[in-house]
């Protein structure tokens, strides 16, 4: 994630990683979204149909989920600040990374 990257490319990368690990069509919706001043900015989503481009100083969530019909699902989210040089993950822990 860095300035100039299309939001749909970030979503596609998340889908590729999840599918490479054996999960098929795991998504119910987007990989993440921009965080706005009060809650969230619905105009910027990390999804396959997004036309947004990532810009410096955006604050976004990255929270892809895996869902298994009839069983349930899991989502782990990170908050990421987009910087001129790329990104800074603001989430202060690695919860779920070993799962």
N, C-alpha and C. Protein backbone atom coordinates (compact mmCIF):
# COMPACT_ATOMS: atom_id res chain seq x y z
N UNK A 1 0.85 -1.17 0.00
CA UNK A 1 0.00 0.00 0.00
C UNK A 1 0.89 1.23 0.00
N UNK A 2 0.65 2.11 -0.94
CA UNK A 2 1.41 3.34 -1.05
C UNK A 2 0.64 4.31 -1.95
N UNK A 3 0.98 5.58 -1.92
CA UNK A 3 0.28 6.54 -2.77
C UNK A 3 0.37 6.13 -4.24
N UNK A 4 -0.73 6.31 -4.96
CA UNK A 4 -0.77 6.02 -6.39
C UNK A 4 -1.28 4.64 -6.74
N UNK A 5 -1.44 3.77 -5.76
CA UNK A 5 -1.93 2.42 -6.01
C UNK A 5 -3.46 2.45 -6.01
N UNK A 6 -4.06 1.73 -6.94
CA UNK A 6 -5.51 1.64 -7.00
C UNK A 6 -6.01 0.80 -5.82
N UNK A 7 -7.08 1.24 -5.19
CA UNK A 7 -7.65 0.51 -4.06
C UNK A 7 -8.01 -0.92 -4.44
N UNK A 8 -8.50 -1.11 -5.66
CA UNK A 8 -8.87 -2.47 -6.10
C UNK A 8 -7.65 -3.39 -6.20
N UNK A 9 -6.44 -2.84 -6.41
CA UNK A 9 -5.23 -3.66 -6.44
C UNK A 9 -4.89 -4.19 -5.05
N UNK A 10 -5.15 -3.42 -4.01
CA UNK A 10 -4.91 -3.88 -2.65
C UNK A 10 -5.88 -5.01 -2.32
N UNK A 11 -7.14 -4.84 -2.70
CA UNK A 11 -8.13 -5.90 -2.51
C UNK A 11 -7.72 -7.17 -3.27
N UNK A 12 -7.29 -7.01 -4.51
CA UNK A 12 -6.88 -8.17 -5.32
C UNK A 12 -5.70 -8.90 -4.68
N UNK A 13 -4.77 -8.16 -4.08
CA UNK A 13 -3.63 -8.79 -3.42
C UNK A 13 -4.08 -9.62 -2.22
N UNK A 14 -5.04 -9.09 -1.45
CA UNK A 14 -5.56 -9.84 -0.30
C UNK A 14 -6.27 -11.10 -0.77
N UNK A 15 -7.07 -10.99 -1.80
CA UNK A 15 -7.77 -12.16 -2.34
C UNK A 15 -6.77 -13.21 -2.82
N UNK A 16 -5.72 -12.78 -3.49
CA UNK A 16 -4.71 -13.71 -4.02
C UNK A 16 -4.04 -14.49 -2.89
N UNK A 17 -3.68 -13.80 -1.81
CA UNK A 17 -3.03 -14.47 -0.68
C UNK A 17 -3.97 -15.49 -0.05
N UNK A 18 -5.20 -15.11 0.18
CA UNK A 18 -6.17 -16.01 0.81
C UNK A 18 -6.45 -17.22 -0.08
N UNK A 19 -6.65 -16.99 -1.38
CA UNK A 19 -6.93 -18.10 -2.29
C UNK A 19 -5.71 -19.01 -2.46
N UNK A 20 -4.51 -18.44 -2.43
CA UNK A 20 -3.28 -19.24 -2.53
C UNK A 20 -3.16 -20.22 -1.37
N UNK A 21 -3.78 -19.87 -0.24
CA UNK A 21 -3.74 -20.73 0.94
C UNK A 21 -4.95 -21.68 1.01
N UNK A 22 -5.67 -21.83 -0.09
CA UNK A 22 -6.70 -22.85 -0.17
C UNK A 22 -8.13 -22.41 0.07
N UNK A 23 -8.36 -21.16 0.33
CA UNK A 23 -9.73 -20.69 0.54
C UNK A 23 -10.31 -20.21 -0.78
N UNK A 24 -11.52 -20.64 -1.11
CA UNK A 24 -12.16 -20.23 -2.36
C UNK A 24 -13.30 -19.27 -2.07
N UNK A 25 -13.31 -18.14 -2.76
CA UNK A 25 -14.38 -17.13 -2.64
C UNK A 25 -14.74 -16.86 -1.18
N UNK A 26 -13.79 -16.45 -0.36
CA UNK A 26 -14.06 -16.29 1.06
C UNK A 26 -14.73 -14.97 1.45
N UNK A 27 -14.79 -14.01 0.53
CA UNK A 27 -15.22 -12.67 0.91
C UNK A 27 -16.72 -12.47 0.83
N UNK A 28 -17.25 -11.77 1.81
CA UNK A 28 -18.63 -11.30 1.75
C UNK A 28 -18.67 -9.86 1.23
N UNK A 29 -17.58 -9.15 1.39
CA UNK A 29 -17.52 -7.75 0.96
C UNK A 29 -16.08 -7.30 0.80
N UNK A 30 -15.77 -6.09 1.12
CA UNK A 30 -14.47 -5.45 0.86
C UNK A 30 -13.35 -5.91 1.79
N UNK A 31 -12.12 -5.58 1.39
CA UNK A 31 -10.93 -5.85 2.21
C UNK A 31 -10.74 -4.77 3.27
N UNK A 32 -11.17 -3.55 3.00
CA UNK A 32 -10.99 -2.45 3.95
C UNK A 32 -11.64 -1.19 3.43
N UNK A 33 -11.38 -0.10 4.14
CA UNK A 33 -12.02 1.18 3.79
C UNK A 33 -11.24 2.32 4.42
N UNK A 34 -11.48 3.51 3.90
CA UNK A 34 -10.88 4.69 4.50
C UNK A 34 -11.64 5.04 5.77
N UNK A 35 -10.93 5.61 6.73
CA UNK A 35 -11.54 6.07 7.98
C UNK A 35 -11.69 7.58 7.86
N UNK A 36 -12.91 8.07 8.04
CA UNK A 36 -13.18 9.50 7.93
C UNK A 36 -13.13 10.20 9.27
N UNK A 37 -13.60 11.41 9.30
CA UNK A 37 -13.54 12.21 10.52
C UNK A 37 -14.46 11.71 11.62
N UNK A 38 -15.64 11.20 11.26
CA UNK A 38 -16.58 10.78 12.29
C UNK A 38 -16.65 9.27 12.43
N UNK A 39 -16.59 8.54 11.35
CA UNK A 39 -16.68 7.09 11.42
C UNK A 39 -15.89 6.49 10.27
N UNK A 40 -16.45 6.49 9.07
CA UNK A 40 -15.72 5.97 7.92
C UNK A 40 -16.20 6.67 6.66
N UNK A 41 -15.33 6.70 5.69
CA UNK A 41 -15.60 7.38 4.43
C UNK A 41 -16.02 6.33 3.41
N UNK A 42 -17.31 6.21 3.16
CA UNK A 42 -17.82 5.15 2.29
C UNK A 42 -17.43 5.33 0.83
N UNK A 43 -16.86 6.46 0.47
CA UNK A 43 -16.45 6.68 -0.92
C UNK A 43 -15.14 5.97 -1.26
N UNK A 44 -14.38 5.56 -0.27
CA UNK A 44 -13.10 4.92 -0.51
C UNK A 44 -13.11 3.54 0.14
N UNK A 45 -13.19 2.52 -0.68
CA UNK A 45 -13.19 1.15 -0.20
C UNK A 45 -12.11 0.35 -0.91
N UNK A 46 -11.53 -0.61 -0.21
CA UNK A 46 -10.58 -1.55 -0.81
C UNK A 46 -11.43 -2.73 -1.28
N UNK A 47 -11.94 -2.62 -2.50
CA UNK A 47 -12.84 -3.63 -3.04
C UNK A 47 -12.60 -3.79 -4.54
N UNK A 48 -13.15 -4.86 -5.11
CA UNK A 48 -12.90 -5.15 -6.51
C UNK A 48 -13.52 -4.14 -7.47
N UNK A 49 -14.53 -3.42 -7.03
CA UNK A 49 -15.17 -2.45 -7.92
C UNK A 49 -14.83 -0.99 -7.59
N UNK A 50 -13.85 -0.79 -6.73
CA UNK A 50 -13.46 0.56 -6.34
C UNK A 50 -12.74 1.28 -7.47
N UNK A 51 -13.01 2.57 -7.61
CA UNK A 51 -12.29 3.40 -8.58
C UNK A 51 -11.32 4.35 -7.87
N UNK A 52 -11.20 4.23 -6.55
CA UNK A 52 -10.35 5.12 -5.76
C UNK A 52 -8.88 4.79 -5.94
N UNK A 53 -8.07 5.81 -5.75
CA UNK A 53 -6.62 5.65 -5.75
C UNK A 53 -6.11 6.06 -4.37
N UNK A 54 -5.18 5.31 -3.84
CA UNK A 54 -4.62 5.59 -2.52
C UNK A 54 -3.76 6.85 -2.57
N UNK A 55 -3.94 7.71 -1.57
CA UNK A 55 -3.20 8.97 -1.50
C UNK A 55 -2.47 9.07 -0.17
N UNK A 56 -1.41 9.84 -0.16
CA UNK A 56 -0.66 10.09 1.06
C UNK A 56 -1.59 10.72 2.10
N UNK A 57 -1.38 10.36 3.36
CA UNK A 57 -2.13 10.85 4.52
C UNK A 57 -3.51 10.22 4.68
N UNK A 58 -3.87 9.25 3.85
CA UNK A 58 -5.12 8.52 4.07
C UNK A 58 -4.93 7.61 5.26
N UNK A 59 -5.99 7.41 6.01
CA UNK A 59 -6.02 6.46 7.11
C UNK A 59 -7.04 5.39 6.71
N UNK A 60 -6.58 4.15 6.62
CA UNK A 60 -7.46 3.08 6.13
C UNK A 60 -7.41 1.86 7.06
N UNK A 61 -8.47 1.08 6.98
CA UNK A 61 -8.48 -0.22 7.64
C UNK A 61 -8.14 -1.27 6.60
N UNK A 62 -7.42 -2.28 7.01
CA UNK A 62 -7.16 -3.44 6.16
C UNK A 62 -7.66 -4.62 6.99
N UNK A 63 -8.78 -5.19 6.56
CA UNK A 63 -9.46 -6.18 7.39
C UNK A 63 -10.12 -7.27 6.54
N UNK A 64 -9.32 -7.98 5.74
CA UNK A 64 -9.93 -9.04 4.95
C UNK A 64 -10.46 -10.13 5.88
N UNK A 65 -11.49 -10.81 5.45
CA UNK A 65 -12.08 -11.87 6.26
C UNK A 65 -12.23 -13.15 5.47
N UNK A 66 -12.23 -14.24 6.18
CA UNK A 66 -12.49 -15.55 5.57
C UNK A 66 -13.77 -16.07 6.21
N UNK A 67 -14.72 -16.47 5.37
CA UNK A 67 -16.01 -16.96 5.85
C UNK A 67 -16.29 -18.33 5.26
N UNK A 68 -16.72 -19.25 6.09
CA UNK A 68 -17.06 -20.60 5.65
C UNK A 68 -18.56 -20.79 5.85
N UNK A 69 -19.31 -21.00 4.76
CA UNK A 69 -20.76 -21.15 4.88
C UNK A 69 -21.14 -22.23 5.89
N UNK A 70 -22.08 -21.88 6.76
CA UNK A 70 -22.56 -22.81 7.76
C UNK A 70 -21.68 -22.95 8.98
N UNK A 71 -20.51 -22.32 8.96
CA UNK A 71 -19.59 -22.43 10.10
C UNK A 71 -19.35 -21.07 10.75
N UNK A 72 -18.95 -20.10 9.96
CA UNK A 72 -18.65 -18.76 10.49
C UNK A 72 -17.45 -18.17 9.78
N UNK A 73 -16.80 -17.22 10.44
CA UNK A 73 -15.68 -16.57 9.79
C UNK A 73 -14.77 -15.88 10.77
N UNK A 74 -13.73 -15.29 10.23
CA UNK A 74 -12.76 -14.55 11.04
C UNK A 74 -12.28 -13.34 10.26
N UNK A 75 -12.07 -12.25 10.99
CA UNK A 75 -11.52 -11.02 10.42
C UNK A 75 -10.51 -10.47 11.41
N UNK A 76 -9.38 -10.07 10.90
CA UNK A 76 -8.40 -9.35 11.70
C UNK A 76 -8.15 -8.03 11.00
N UNK A 77 -8.17 -6.94 11.75
CA UNK A 77 -8.03 -5.64 11.13
C UNK A 77 -6.81 -4.89 11.59
N UNK A 78 -6.22 -4.16 10.66
CA UNK A 78 -5.13 -3.24 10.96
C UNK A 78 -5.54 -1.85 10.53
N UNK A 79 -5.07 -0.86 11.25
CA UNK A 79 -5.24 0.53 10.85
C UNK A 79 -3.91 0.97 10.26
N UNK A 80 -3.98 1.55 9.06
CA UNK A 80 -2.77 1.89 8.32
C UNK A 80 -2.80 3.35 7.89
N UNK A 81 -1.72 4.06 8.13
CA UNK A 81 -1.55 5.43 7.65
C UNK A 81 -0.72 5.36 6.38
N UNK A 82 -1.24 5.92 5.30
CA UNK A 82 -0.49 5.98 4.04
C UNK A 82 0.43 7.19 4.12
N UNK A 83 1.72 6.96 3.89
CA UNK A 83 2.72 8.02 3.96
C UNK A 83 3.30 8.27 2.57
N UNK A 84 4.07 9.31 2.45
CA UNK A 84 4.73 9.60 1.17
C UNK A 84 5.61 8.43 0.74
N UNK A 85 6.25 7.77 1.72
CA UNK A 85 7.17 6.67 1.43
C UNK A 85 6.48 5.32 1.32
N UNK A 86 5.21 5.24 1.68
CA UNK A 86 4.51 3.96 1.63
C UNK A 86 3.41 3.87 2.65
N UNK A 87 3.70 3.22 3.80
CA UNK A 87 2.66 3.03 4.80
C UNK A 87 3.29 2.84 6.18
N UNK A 88 2.47 3.11 7.20
CA UNK A 88 2.84 2.86 8.58
C UNK A 88 1.67 2.14 9.23
N UNK A 89 1.89 0.90 9.66
CA UNK A 89 0.84 0.14 10.34
C UNK A 89 0.75 0.65 11.77
N UNK A 90 -0.43 1.15 12.14
CA UNK A 90 -0.62 1.74 13.46
C UNK A 90 -1.12 0.74 14.49
N UNK A 91 -1.59 -0.41 14.06
CA UNK A 91 -2.06 -1.43 14.99
C UNK A 91 -0.87 -1.90 15.82
N UNK A 92 -0.97 -1.81 17.16
CA UNK A 92 0.22 -2.05 18.00
C UNK A 92 0.48 -3.50 18.38
N UNK A 93 -0.17 -4.47 17.75
CA UNK A 93 0.06 -5.86 18.12
C UNK A 93 -0.13 -6.77 16.92
N UNK A 94 0.28 -8.01 17.05
CA UNK A 94 0.23 -8.97 15.96
C UNK A 94 -0.85 -10.03 16.15
N UNK A 95 -1.94 -9.68 16.80
CA UNK A 95 -3.03 -10.62 17.06
C UNK A 95 -3.45 -11.35 15.79
N UNK A 96 -3.44 -12.67 15.85
CA UNK A 96 -3.94 -13.46 14.75
C UNK A 96 -2.96 -13.78 13.66
N UNK A 97 -1.78 -13.24 13.69
CA UNK A 97 -0.84 -13.44 12.60
C UNK A 97 -0.37 -14.89 12.48
N UNK A 98 -0.43 -15.65 13.59
CA UNK A 98 0.02 -17.04 13.55
C UNK A 98 -1.09 -18.02 13.21
N UNK A 99 -2.30 -17.52 13.05
CA UNK A 99 -3.44 -18.41 12.78
C UNK A 99 -3.45 -18.81 11.31
